[in-house]
PDB file of N, CA and C in Angstrom:
ATOM      1  N   MET A   1      53.860  27.804  44.994  1.00  0.00           N
ATOM      2  CA  MET A   1      52.698  27.372  44.384  1.00  0.00           C
ATOM      3  C   MET A   1      51.592  27.069  44.974  1.00  0.00           C
ATOM      4  N   THR A   2      50.547  27.998  44.584  1.00  0.00           N
ATOM      5  CA  THR A   2      49.119  27.613  45.260  1.00  0.00           C
ATOM      6  C   THR A   2      48.298  26.900  44.174  1.00  0.00           C
ATOM      7  N   ILE A   3      47.906  26.023  44.890  1.00  0.00           N
ATOM      8  CA  ILE A   3      47.261  25.090  43.733  1.00  0.00           C
ATOM      9  C   ILE A   3      45.503  25.697  44.557  1.00  0.00           C
ATOM     10  N   LYS A   4      44.477  26.562  43.127  1.00  0.00           N
ATOM     11  CA  LYS A   4      43.285  26.856  43.481  1.00  0.00           C
ATOM     12  C   LYS A   4      42.254  25.840  43.702  1.00  0.00           C
ATOM     13  N   THR A   5      41.211  25.946  44.405  1.00  0.00           N
ATOM     14  CA  THR A   5      40.295  25.250  44.259  1.00  0.00           C
ATOM     15  C   THR A   5      39.709  25.014  43.340  1.00  0.00           C
ATOM     16  N   PRO A   6      39.253  24.186  42.526  1.00  0.00           N
ATOM     17  CA  PRO A   6      38.592  23.619  41.289  1.00  0.00           C
ATOM     18  C   PRO A   6      36.812  24.509  41.351  1.00  0.00           C
ATOM     19  N   ALA A   7      37.055  25.017  39.958  1.00  0.00           N
ATOM     20  CA  ALA A   7      35.531  25.523  40.008  1.00  0.00           C
ATOM     21  C   ALA A   7      34.534  24.432  39.905  1.00  0.00           C
ATOM     22  N   VAL A   8      35.135  23.233  39.224  1.00  0.00           N
ATOM     23  CA  VAL A   8      34.115  22.222  39.173  1.00  0.00           C
ATOM     24  C   VAL A   8      34.551  20.976  39.603  1.00  0.00           C
ATOM     25  N   GLY A   9      34.005  20.015  39.494  1.00  0.00           N
ATOM     26  CA  GLY A   9      34.341  18.618  40.598  1.00  0.00           C
ATOM     27  C   GLY A   9      35.261  17.961  39.720  1.00  0.00           C
ATOM     28  N   ILE A  10      35.473  17.261  40.596  1.00  0.00           N
ATOM     29  CA  ILE A  10      36.870  16.223  39.638  1.00  0.00           C
ATOM     30  C   ILE A  10      36.280  15.330  38.509  1.00  0.00           C
ATOM     31  N   GLU A  11      35.005  14.663  39.269  1.00  0.00           N
ATOM     32  CA  GLU A  11      34.485  14.460  38.045  1.00  0.00           C
ATOM     33  C   GLU A  11      33.769  14.790  36.828  1.00  0.00           C
ATOM     34  N   ALA A  12      33.583  16.308  36.791  1.00  0.00           N
ATOM     35  CA  ALA A  12      33.607  16.585  35.907  1.00  0.00           C
ATOM     36  C   ALA A  12      35.135  17.051  35.010  1.00  0.00           C
ATOM     37  N   ALA A  13      36.028  17.061  35.389  1.00  0.00           N
ATOM     38  CA  ALA A  13      37.423  16.814  34.649  1.00  0.00           C
ATOM     39  C   ALA A  13      37.719  15.777  34.396  1.00  0.00           C
ATOM     40  N   VAL A  14      37.478  14.875  35.386  1.00  0.00           N
ATOM     41  CA  VAL A  14      37.696  12.837  34.626  1.00  0.00           C
ATOM     42  C   VAL A  14      36.942  13.223  33.450  1.00  0.00           C
ATOM     43  N   SER A  15      35.700  13.615  33.350  1.00  0.00           N
ATOM     44  CA  SER A  15      35.299  13.520  32.111  1.00  0.00           C
ATOM     45  C   SER A  15      36.039  14.008  30.958  1.00  0.00           C
ATOM     46  N   LEU A  16      36.255  15.331  31.158  1.00  0.00           N
ATOM     47  CA  LEU A  16      36.769  16.162  30.030  1.00  0.00           C
ATOM     48  C   LEU A  16      37.505  15.488  29.323  1.00  0.00           C
ATOM     49  N   PHE A  17      38.797  15.090  30.528  1.00  0.00           N
ATOM     50  CA  PHE A  17      39.983  14.175  29.937  1.00  0.00           C
ATOM     51  C   PHE A  17      39.778  12.849  29.434  1.00  0.00           C
ATOM     52  N   HIS A  18      38.388  12.032  29.831  1.00  0.00           N
ATOM     53  CA  HIS A  18      38.298  11.037  29.495  1.00  0.00           C
ATOM     54  C   HIS A  18      37.463  11.086  27.882  1.00  0.00           C
ATOM     55  N   SER A  19      37.042  12.090  27.792  1.00  0.00           N
ATOM     56  CA  SER A  19      36.687  12.440  26.454  1.00  0.00           C
ATOM     57  C   SER A  19      37.916  12.966  25.363  1.00  0.00           C
ATOM     58  N   LEU A  20      38.865  13.145  25.777  1.00  0.00           N
ATOM     59  CA  LEU A  20      40.008  13.612  24.510  1.00  0.00           C
ATOM     60  C   LEU A  20      41.023  12.131  24.852  1.00  0.00           C
ATOM     61  N   SER A  21      40.688  11.380  25.435  1.00  0.00           N
ATOM     62  CA  SER A  21      41.689  10.134  25.796  1.00  0.00           C
ATOM     63  C   SER A  21      41.836   9.202  24.795  1.00  0.00           C
ATOM     64  N   ASP A  22      40.689   9.004  23.442  1.00  0.00           N
ATOM     65  CA  ASP A  22      40.698   8.230  22.460  1.00  0.00           C
ATOM     66  C   ASP A  22      41.453   9.104  21.630  1.00  0.00           C
ATOM     67  N   GLY A  23      42.349   8.149  20.893  1.00  0.00           N
ATOM     68  CA  GLY A  23      43.279   8.817  19.665  1.00  0.00           C
ATOM     69  C   GLY A  23      42.332   9.524  18.519  1.00  0.00           C
ATOM     70  N   THR A  24      41.493   8.904  18.121  1.00  0.00           N
ATOM     71  CA  THR A  24      40.274   9.385  16.911  1.00  0.00           C
ATOM     72  C   THR A  24      39.738  10.695  17.546  1.00  0.00           C
ATOM     73  N   ARG A  25      39.369  10.504  18.694  1.00  0.00           N
ATOM     74  CA  ARG A  25      38.636  11.917  19.080  1.00  0.00           C
ATOM     75  C   ARG A  25      39.866  13.007  19.684  1.00  0.00           C
ATOM     76  N   LEU A  26      41.163  12.740  19.956  1.00  0.00           N
ATOM     77  CA  LEU A  26      41.689  13.710  19.867  1.00  0.00           C
ATOM     78  C   LEU A  26      42.523  14.181  18.273  1.00  0.00           C
ATOM     79  N   GLU A  27      42.458  13.747  17.719  1.00  0.00           N
ATOM     80  CA  GLU A  27      42.663  13.821  16.231  1.00  0.00           C
ATOM     81  C   GLU A  27      41.359  14.370  15.387  1.00  0.00           C
ATOM     82  N   ILE A  28      40.479  14.164  15.984  1.00  0.00           N
ATOM     83  CA  ILE A  28      39.061  14.936  15.213  1.00  0.00           C
ATOM     84  C   ILE A  28      39.615  16.230  15.893  1.00  0.00           C
ATOM     85  N   VAL A  29      40.111  16.763  17.020  1.00  0.00           N
ATOM     86  CA  VAL A  29      39.942  17.824  17.991  1.00  0.00           C
ATOM     87  C   VAL A  29      40.985  19.033  17.309  1.00  0.00           C
ATOM     88  N   ARG A  30      42.052  18.014  16.681  1.00  0.00           N
ATOM     89  CA  ARG A  30      43.403  19.017  16.354  1.00  0.00           C
ATOM     90  C   ARG A  30      42.970  18.902  15.008  1.00  0.00           C
ATOM     91  N   ARG A  31      41.767  18.472  13.986  1.00  0.00           N
ATOM     92  CA  ARG A  31      41.788  18.973  12.637  1.00  0.00           C
ATOM     93  C   ARG A  31      40.887  19.981  12.936  1.00  0.00           C
ATOM     94  N   LEU A  32      39.762  20.098  13.514  1.00  0.00           N
ATOM     95  CA  LEU A  32      38.836  20.934  14.144  1.00  0.00           C
ATOM     96  C   LEU A  32      39.773  22.718  14.765  1.00  0.00           C
ATOM     97  N   ALA A  33      40.963  22.233  15.334  1.00  0.00           N
ATOM     98  CA  ALA A  33      41.620  22.913  15.771  1.00  0.00           C
ATOM     99  C   ALA A  33      41.729  24.438  14.712  1.00  0.00           C
ATOM    100  N   GLU A  34      42.372  23.725  13.148  1.00  0.00           N
ATOM    101  CA  GLU A  34      42.384  24.151  11.997  1.00  0.00           C
ATOM    102  C   GLU A  34      41.479  25.138  11.396  1.00  0.00           C
ATOM    103  N   GLY A  35      40.249  24.297  11.990  1.00  0.00           N
ATOM    104  CA  GLY A  35      38.991  25.012  11.034  1.00  0.00           C
ATOM    105  C   GLY A  35      37.617  24.298  11.009  1.00  0.00           C
ATOM    106  N   GLU A  36      36.667  24.469  11.041  1.00  0.00           N
ATOM    107  CA  GLU A  36      35.407  23.797  10.927  1.00  0.00           C
ATOM    108  C   GLU A  36      35.596  23.138   9.584  1.00  0.00           C
ATOM    109  N   ALA A  37      34.809  21.888   9.571  1.00  0.00           N
ATOM    110  CA  ALA A  37      34.893  20.308   8.656  1.00  0.00           C
ATOM    111  C   ALA A  37      33.255  19.666   9.132  1.00  0.00           C
ATOM    112  N   ARG A  38      32.961  19.270   8.070  1.00  0.00           N
ATOM    113  CA  ARG A  38      31.718  18.122   7.650  1.00  0.00           C
ATOM    114  C   ARG A  38      32.606  16.817   8.088  1.00  0.00           C
ATOM    115  N   VAL A  39      31.816  15.981   8.502  1.00  0.00           N
ATOM    116  CA  VAL A  39      31.720  14.549   8.565  1.00  0.00           C
ATOM    117  C   VAL A  39      32.810  14.264   7.648  1.00  0.00           C
ATOM    118  N   ALA A  40      32.241  14.407   6.474  1.00  0.00           N
ATOM    119  CA  ALA A  40      32.976  14.031   5.223  1.00  0.00           C
ATOM    120  C   ALA A  40      34.715  14.379   5.027  1.00  0.00           C
ATOM    121  N   ASP A  41      34.511  15.829   5.053  1.00  0.00           N
ATOM    122  CA  ASP A  41      35.875  16.117   5.452  1.00  0.00           C
ATOM    123  C   ASP A  41      36.976  15.314   6.175  1.00  0.00           C
ATOM    124  N   LEU A  42      36.234  15.140   7.498  1.00  0.00           N
ATOM    125  CA  LEU A  42      37.092  14.466   8.579  1.00  0.00           C
ATOM    126  C   LEU A  42      37.012  13.289   8.258  1.00  0.00           C
ATOM    127  N   THR A  43      36.173  12.360   7.446  1.00  0.00           N
ATOM    128  CA  THR A  43      36.519  11.317   6.737  1.00  0.00           C
ATOM    129  C   THR A  43      37.872  11.148   5.905  1.00  0.00           C
ATOM    130  N   ARG A  44      37.370  11.684   5.167  1.00  0.00           N
ATOM    131  CA  ARG A  44      38.787  11.774   4.488  1.00  0.00           C
ATOM    132  C   ARG A  44      40.143  12.399   4.959  1.00  0.00           C
ATOM    133  N   ASP A  45      40.163  13.554   5.853  1.00  0.00           N
ATOM    134  CA  ASP A  45      41.601  13.965   6.435  1.00  0.00           C
ATOM    135  C   ASP A  45      41.993  12.989   7.400  1.00  0.00           C
ATOM    136  N   LEU A  46      41.115  12.013   7.853  1.00  0.00           N
ATOM    137  CA  LEU A  46      41.964  11.059   9.098  1.00  0.00           C
ATOM    138  C   LEU A  46      41.836   9.854   8.315  1.00  0.00           C
ATOM    139  N   GLY A  47      41.079   9.527   7.285  1.00  0.00           N
ATOM    140  CA  GLY A  47      41.329   7.892   6.560  1.00  0.00           C
ATOM    141  C   GLY A  47      40.115   7.255   7.500  1.00  0.00           C
ATOM    142  N   LEU A  48      39.429   7.809   8.417  1.00  0.00           N
ATOM    143  CA  LEU A  48      38.479   6.640   8.654  1.00  0.00           C
ATOM    144  C   LEU A  48      37.249   6.372   8.173  1.00  0.00           C
ATOM    145  N   ALA A  49      36.526   5.868   8.952  1.00  0.00           N
ATOM    146  CA  ALA A  49      34.960   5.366   8.057  1.00  0.00           C
ATOM    147  C   ALA A  49      34.652   6.150   8.655  1.00  0.00           C
ATOM    148  N   GLN A  50      33.206   6.507   7.820  1.00  0.00           N
ATOM    149  CA  GLN A  50      32.386   7.663   8.117  1.00  0.00           C
ATOM    150  C   GLN A  50      31.630   7.323   9.780  1.00  0.00           C
ATOM    151  N   SER A  51      30.749   6.195   9.933  1.00  0.00           N
ATOM    152  CA  SER A  51      30.268   5.686  10.964  1.00  0.00           C
ATOM    153  C   SER A  51      31.464   6.116  12.227  1.00  0.00           C
ATOM    154  N   THR A  52      33.353   5.684  11.523  1.00  0.00           N
ATOM    155  CA  THR A  52      33.797   5.761  12.990  1.00  0.00           C
ATOM    156  C   THR A  52      33.822   7.389  13.490  1.00  0.00           C
ATOM    157  N   VAL A  53      34.226   8.209  12.212  1.00  0.00           N
ATOM    158  CA  VAL A  53      34.238   9.867  12.649  1.00  0.00           C
ATOM    159  C   VAL A  53      33.029  10.274  13.240  1.00  0.00           C
ATOM    160  N   SER A  54      31.618   9.970  12.690  1.00  0.00           N
ATOM    161  CA  SER A  54      30.308  10.108  13.074  1.00  0.00           C
ATOM    162  C   SER A  54      30.328   9.980  14.699  1.00  0.00           C
ATOM    163  N   ALA A  55      30.691   8.597  15.087  1.00  0.00           N
ATOM    164  CA  ALA A  55      30.335   8.219  16.606  1.00  0.00           C
ATOM    165  C   ALA A  55      30.958   8.983  17.289  1.00  0.00           C
ATOM    166  N   HIS A  56      32.455   9.338  16.844  1.00  0.00           N
ATOM    167  CA  HIS A  56      33.437  10.145  17.855  1.00  0.00           C
ATOM    168  C   HIS A  56      32.810  11.632  17.715  1.00  0.00           C
ATOM    169  N   VAL A  57      32.095  11.982  16.470  1.00  0.00           N
ATOM    170  CA  VAL A  57      31.845  13.502  17.005  1.00  0.00           C
ATOM    171  C   VAL A  57      30.696  13.949  17.894  1.00  0.00           C
ATOM    172  N   ALA A  58      29.850  12.634  17.911  1.00  0.00           N
ATOM    173  CA  ALA A  58      28.512  13.062  18.581  1.00  0.00           C
ATOM    174  C   ALA A  58      29.169  12.902  19.939  1.00  0.00           C
ATOM    175  N   CYS A  59      29.953  11.862  20.492  1.00  0.00           N
ATOM    176  CA  CYS A  59      30.646  11.765  21.765  1.00  0.00           C
ATOM    177  C   CYS A  59      31.104  13.639  22.115  1.00  0.00           C
ATOM    178  N   LEU A  60      32.081  13.762  21.502  1.00  0.00           N
ATOM    179  CA  LEU A  60      32.422  15.039  21.506  1.00  0.00           C
ATOM    180  C   LEU A  60      31.507  16.440  21.628  1.00  0.00           C
ATOM    181  N   ARG A  61      30.636  16.666  20.552  1.00  0.00           N
ATOM    182  CA  ARG A  61      29.052  17.014  20.744  1.00  0.00           C
ATOM    183  C   ARG A  61      28.655  17.176  21.958  1.00  0.00           C
ATOM    184  N   ASP A  62      27.830  16.074  22.423  1.00  0.00           N
ATOM    185  CA  ASP A  62      27.538  15.904  23.847  1.00  0.00           C
ATOM    186  C   ASP A  62      28.255  15.969  25.026  1.00  0.00           C
ATOM    187  N   CYS A  63      29.739  16.011  24.703  1.00  0.00           N
ATOM    188  CA  CYS A  63      30.531  16.957  26.216  1.00  0.00           C
ATOM    189  C   CYS A  63      30.702  18.029  25.781  1.00  0.00           C
ATOM    190  N   GLY A  64      29.989  19.059  25.003  1.00  0.00           N
ATOM    191  CA  GLY A  64      30.299  19.969  24.758  1.00  0.00           C
ATOM    192  C   GLY A  64      31.582  21.048  23.816  1.00  0.00           C
ATOM    193  N   LEU A  65      32.112  19.933  23.843  1.00  0.00           N
ATOM    194  CA  LEU A  65      33.253  20.475  22.989  1.00  0.00           C
ATOM    195  C   LEU A  65      33.303  20.662  21.279  1.00  0.00           C
ATOM    196  N   VAL A  66      32.435  20.100  20.683  1.00  0.00           N
ATOM    197  CA  VAL A  66      32.539  20.599  19.453  1.00  0.00           C
ATOM    198  C   VAL A  66      30.719  20.673  19.437  1.00  0.00           C
ATOM    199  N   SER A  67      30.682  21.777  18.482  1.00  0.00           N
ATOM    200  CA  SER A  67      28.988  22.528  17.692  1.00  0.00           C
ATOM    201  C   SER A  67      28.944  22.320  16.276  1.00  0.00           C
ATOM    202  N   GLY A  68      27.808  21.886  15.509  1.00  0.00           N
ATOM    203  CA  GLY A  68      27.520  21.868  14.586  1.00  0.00           C
ATOM    204  C   GLY A  68      26.743  22.963  14.425  1.00  0.00           C
ATOM    205  N   ARG A  69      27.147  24.063  13.188  1.00  0.00           N
ATOM    206  CA  ARG A  69      26.320  24.539  12.083  1.00  0.00           C
ATOM    207  C   ARG A  69      25.569  23.881  11.078  1.00  0.00           C
ATOM    208  N   PRO A  70      24.336  23.565  10.905  1.00  0.00           N
ATOM    209  CA  PRO A  70      23.943  23.702   9.690  1.00  0.00           C
ATOM    210  C   PRO A  70      23.870  24.015   8.772  1.00  0.00           C
ATOM    211  N   GLU A  71      23.897  23.532   7.495  1.00  0.00           N
ATOM    212  CA  GLU A  71      23.504  24.799   6.200  1.00  0.00           C
ATOM    213  C   GLU A  71      23.120  23.266   5.207  1.00  0.00           C
ATOM    214  N   GLY A  72      21.934  23.876   4.912  1.00  0.00           N
ATOM    215  CA  GLY A  72      20.955  22.871   4.011  1.00  0.00           C
ATOM    216  C   GLY A  72      21.256  21.586   4.375  1.00  0.00           C
ATOM    217  N   ARG A  73      21.847  20.538   3.854  1.00  0.00           N
ATOM    218  CA  ARG A  73      21.535  19.386   4.454  1.00  0.00           C
ATOM    219  C   ARG A  73      22.946  18.330   4.806  1.00  0.00           C
ATOM    220  N   GLN A  74      23.816  19.598   5.232  1.00  0.00           N
ATOM    221  CA  GLN A  74      25.123  19.929   5.800  1.00  0.00           C
ATOM    222  C   GLN A  74      25.221  20.268   6.817  1.00  0.00           C
ATOM    223  N   VAL A  75      26.385  19.583   7.993  1.00  0.00           N
ATOM    224  CA  VAL A  75      26.452  20.078   9.300  1.00  0.00           C
ATOM    225  C   VAL A  75      28.037  20.356   8.946  1.00  0.00           C
ATOM    226  N   PHE A  76      28.471  21.753   9.459  1.00  0.00           N
ATOM    227  CA  PHE A  76      29.581  21.982   9.690  1.00  0.00           C
ATOM    228  C   PHE A  76      30.033  22.111  11.205  1.00  0.00           C
ATOM    229  N   TYR A  77      31.017  21.029  11.376  1.00  0.00           N
ATOM    230  CA  TYR A  77      31.311  21.005  12.983  1.00  0.00           C
ATOM    231  C   TYR A  77      32.972  21.942  13.309  1.00  0.00           C
ATOM    232  N   SER A  78      32.292  22.131  14.247  1.00  0.00           N
ATOM    233  CA  SER A  78      33.925  23.384  15.102  1.00  0.00           C
ATOM    234  C   SER A  78      34.455  23.001  16.415  1.00  0.00           C
ATOM    235  N   LEU A  79      35.142  23.320  17.053  1.00  0.00           N
ATOM    236  CA  LEU A  79      35.313  23.649  18.296  1.00  0.00           C
ATOM    237  C   LEU A  79      34.693  24.034  18.920  1.00  0.00           C
ATOM    238  N   SER A  80      33.676  24.484  20.302  1.00  0.00           N
ATOM    239  CA  SER A  80      32.759  25.338  20.490  1.00  0.00           C
ATOM    240  C   SER A  80      33.476  26.000  22.305  1.00  0.00           C
ATOM    241  N   GLN A  81      34.729  25.263  22.245  1.00  0.00           N
ATOM    242  CA  GLN A  81      35.402  25.760  23.195  1.00  0.00           C
ATOM    243  C   GLN A  81      36.861  26.075  23.030  1.00  0.00           C
ATOM    244  N   PRO A  82      37.163  27.616  22.598  1.00  0.00           N
ATOM    245  CA  PRO A  82      38.489  27.716  22.348  1.00  0.00           C
ATOM    246  C   PRO A  82      39.552  27.544  23.324  1.00  0.00           C
ATOM    247  N   GLU A  83      39.097  27.532  24.695  1.00  0.00           N
ATOM    248  CA  GLU A  83      39.623  27.392  25.840  1.00  0.00           C
ATOM    249  C   GLU A  83      40.331  25.745  25.579  1.00  0.00           C
ATOM    250  N   LEU A  84      40.144  24.865  24.492  1.00  0.00           N
ATOM    251  CA  LEU A  84      40.377  23.349  24.437  1.00  0.00           C
ATOM    252  C   LEU A  84      41.580  23.897  24.050  1.00  0.00           C
ATOM    253  N   LEU A  85      42.042  24.786  23.133  1.00  0.00           N
ATOM    254  CA  LEU A  85      43.164  24.987  22.768  1.00  0.00           C
ATOM    255  C   LEU A  85      44.300  24.815  23.446  1.00  0.00           C
ATOM    256  N   ASP A  86      43.627  25.724  24.605  1.00  0.00           N
ATOM    257  CA  ASP A  86      45.157  26.235  25.436  1.00  0.00           C
ATOM    258  C   ASP A  86      45.439  24.895  25.950  1.00  0.00           C
ATOM    259  N   LEU A  87      43.972  24.173  26.137  1.00  0.00           N
ATOM    260  CA  LEU A  87      44.688  23.157  27.127  1.00  0.00           C
ATOM    261  C   LEU A  87      45.312  21.503  26.243  1.00  0.00           C
ATOM    262  N   LEU A  88      45.556  22.315  24.364  1.00  0.00           N
ATOM    263  CA  LEU A  88      46.497  20.676  24.157  1.00  0.00           C
ATOM    264  C   LEU A  88      47.364  21.531  24.100  1.00  0.00           C
ATOM    265  N   ALA A  89      47.715  22.977  24.286  1.00  0.00           N
ATOM    266  CA  ALA A  89      49.192  23.488  23.830  1.00  0.00           C
ATOM    267  C   ALA A  89      50.111  23.129  25.330  1.00  0.00           C
ATOM    268  N   ALA A  90      49.233  23.240  26.584  1.00  0.00           N
ATOM    269  CA  ALA A  90      49.536  23.023  27.721  1.00  0.00           C
ATOM    270  C   ALA A  90      50.203  21.558  27.832  1.00  0.00           C
ATOM    271  N   ALA A  91      49.065  20.389  27.412  1.00  0.00           N
ATOM    272  CA  ALA A  91      49.626  19.205  27.615  1.00  0.00           C
ATOM    273  C   ALA A  91      50.917  18.782  26.275  1.00  0.00           C
ATOM    274  N   GLU A  92      50.784  19.321  25.716  1.00  0.00           N
ATOM    275  CA  GLU A  92      51.999  19.143  24.735  1.00  0.00           C
ATOM    276  C   GLU A  92      53.105  20.043  25.468  1.00  0.00           C
ATOM    277  N   ALA A  93      53.210  21.089  26.148  1.00  0.00           N
ATOM    278  CA  ALA A  93      54.199  21.367  27.211  1.00  0.00           C
ATOM    279  C   ALA A  93      54.582  20.501  27.777  1.00  0.00           C
ATOM    280  N   VAL A  94      53.560  19.555  28.225  1.00  0.00           N
ATOM    281  CA  VAL A  94      53.941  18.474  29.576  1.00  0.00           C
ATOM    282  C   VAL A  94      54.685  17.276  28.867  1.00  0.00           C
ATOM    283  N   LEU A  95      53.891  17.305  27.918  1.00  0.00           N
ATOM    284  CA  LEU A  95      54.796  15.801  27.405  1.00  0.00           C
ATOM    285  C   LEU A  95      56.357  16.259  26.287  1.00  0.00           C
ATOM    286  N   ALA A  96      56.613  17.652  26.184  1.00  0.00           N
ATOM    287  CA  ALA A  96      57.730  17.870  26.275  1.00  0.00           C
ATOM    288  C   ALA A  96      58.577  17.976  27.857  1.00  0.00           C
ATOM    289  N   ALA A  97      58.175  18.044  28.548  1.00  0.00           N
ATOM    290  CA  ALA A  97      59.198  18.334  29.538  1.00  0.00           C
ATOM    291  C   ALA A  97      59.234  16.797  30.058  1.00  0.00           C
ATOM    292  N   THR A  98      58.371  15.666  30.116  1.00  0.00           N
ATOM    293  CA  THR A  98      58.610  14.403  30.559  1.00  0.00           C
ATOM    294  C   THR A  98      59.053  13.833  29.883  1.00  0.00           C
ATOM    295  N   GLY A  99      59.702  14.457  28.818  1.00  0.00           N
ATOM    296  CA  GLY A  99      60.364  13.219  27.670  1.00  0.00           C
ATOM    297  C   GLY A  99      59.154  12.276  27.284  1.00  0.00           C
ATOM    298  N   ASP A 100      60.300  10.774  27.325  1.00  0.00           N
ATOM    299  CA  ASP A 100      59.802   9.790  26.887  1.00  0.00           C
ATOM    300  C   ASP A 100      58.895   9.163  28.062  1.00  0.00           C
ATOM    301  N   ALA A 101      58.860   9.698  29.215  1.00  0.00           N
ATOM    302  CA  ALA A 101      58.284   9.005  30.319  1.00  0.00           C
ATOM    303  C   ALA A 101      56.582   8.838  30.437  1.00  0.00           C
ATOM    304  N   VAL A 102      56.014   9.699  29.563  1.00  0.00           N
ATOM    305  CA  VAL A 102      54.675   9.616  29.302  1.00  0.00           C
ATOM    306  C   VAL A 102      54.318   8.164  28.440  1.00  0.00           C
ATOM    307  N   ALA A 103      55.410   8.272  27.616  1.00  0.00           N
ATOM    308  CA  ALA A 103      54.778   7.447  26.124  1.00  0.00           C
ATOM    309  C   ALA A 103      55.497   6.090  26.359  1.00  0.00           C
ATOM    310  N   LEU A 104      56.144   6.035  27.506  1.00  0.00           N
ATOM    311  CA  LEU A 104      57.098   4.732  27.857  1.00  0.00           C
ATOM    312  C   LEU A 104      55.954   4.234  29.102  1.00  0.00           C
ATOM    313  N   CYS A 105      55.227   4.999  29.558  1.00  0.00           N
ATOM    314  CA  CYS A 105      54.525   4.580  30.992  1.00  0.00           C
ATOM    315  C   CYS A 105      53.466   3.345  30.648  1.00  0.00           C
ATOM    316  N   PRO A 106      54.216   2.597  31.886  1.00  0.00           N
ATOM    317  CA  PRO A 106      53.779   0.775  31.769  1.00  0.00           C
ATOM    318  C   PRO A 106      52.363   0.557  31.508  1.00  0.00           C
ATOM    319  N   ARG A 107      51.586   1.485  32.249  1.00  0.00           N
ATOM    320  CA  ARG A 107      50.102   1.474  32.129  1.00  0.00           C
ATOM    321  C   ARG A 107      49.426   1.667  31.433  1.00  0.00           C
ATOM    322  N   TYR A 108      49.926   3.364  30.451  1.00  0.00           N
ATOM    323  CA  TYR A 108      48.981   3.707  29.701  1.00  0.00           C
ATOM    324  C   TYR A 108      49.911   4.160  28.551  1.00  0.00           C
ATOM    325  N   GLY A 109      51.269   3.620  28.383  1.00  0.00           N
ATOM    326  CA  GLY A 109      52.067   4.505  27.311  1.00  0.00           C
ATOM    327  C   GLY A 109      51.936   3.220  25.875  1.00  0.00           C
ATOM    328  N   VAL A 110      52.671   3.673  25.275  1.00  0.00           N
ATOM    329  CA  VAL A 110      52.933   2.671  23.732  1.00  0.00           C
ATOM    330  C   VAL A 110      53.815   1.662  24.069  1.00  0.00           C
ATOM    331  N   ALA A 111      52.842   0.658  23.678  1.00  0.00           N
ATOM    332  CA  ALA A 111      53.951  -0.410  23.755  1.00  0.00           C
ATOM    333  C   ALA A 111      55.417  -0.557  22.791  1.00  0.00           C
ATOM    334  N   THR A 112      56.320  -0.811  23.328  1.00  0.00           N
ATOM    335  CA  THR A 112      57.390  -0.858  22.073  1.00  0.00           C
ATOM    336  C   THR A 112      58.027  -2.321  22.603  1.00  0.00           C
ATOM    337  N   GLU A 113      58.691  -2.457  22.063  1.00  0.00           N
ATOM    338  CA  GLU A 113      59.739  -4.167  22.286  1.00  0.00           C
ATOM    339  C   GLU A 113      60.795  -3.268  23.256  1.00  0.00           C
ATOM    340  N   ASP A 114      61.483  -2.309  23.287  1.00  0.00           N
ATOM    341  CA  ASP A 114      62.517  -1.848  24.738  1.00  0.00           C
ATOM    342  C   ASP A 114      61.645  -1.658  25.660  1.00  0.00           C
ATOM    343  N   VAL A 115      60.055  -1.446  25.951  1.00  0.00           N
ATOM    344  CA  VAL A 115      59.781  -1.186  27.560  1.00  0.00           C
ATOM    345  C   VAL A 115      59.702  -2.348  28.109  1.00  0.00           C
ATOM    346  N   VAL A 116      59.872  -2.766  29.441  1.00  0.00           N
ATOM    347  CA  VAL A 116      59.792  -3.783  30.345  1.00  0.00           C
ATOM    348  C   VAL A 116      58.622  -3.499  30.705  1.00  0.00           C
ATOM    349  N   THR A 117      57.479  -5.156  30.905  1.00  0.00           N
ATOM    350  CA  THR A 117      56.286  -4.865  31.626  1.00  0.00           C
ATOM    351  C   THR A 117      56.600  -5.222  32.992  1.00  0.00           C
ATOM    352  N   ARG A 118      55.641  -4.802  33.758  1.00  0.00           N
ATOM    353  CA  ARG A 118      55.998  -5.449  35.630  1.00  0.00           C
ATOM    354  C   ARG A 118      54.478  -6.377  35.454  1.00  0.00           C
TER     355      ARG A 118
END
């Protein structure tokens, strides 16, 4: 297997993955993968406070992952990078291949009663 030299620096990749590391932002991205939505739609669909959704949408917008289309007094948000769907599909494949390893990771995984902490 040959590893290509990245076109962007590692810092940019770290920023990308950090922008997706928050559960709320990931839920927003998954919802927007289904089609554009207003903050009010996301608030309803995700069961979150409007201020929470607005802050996370702003983060995703600032990172260039989400864009807004104004229509009157409303803004309809959508994914601005279709490649993001490929990234999410690849992540799902990695998660399927690793089984419970990622979920049970002692540093970043989901804490359960069965997990022994170090």
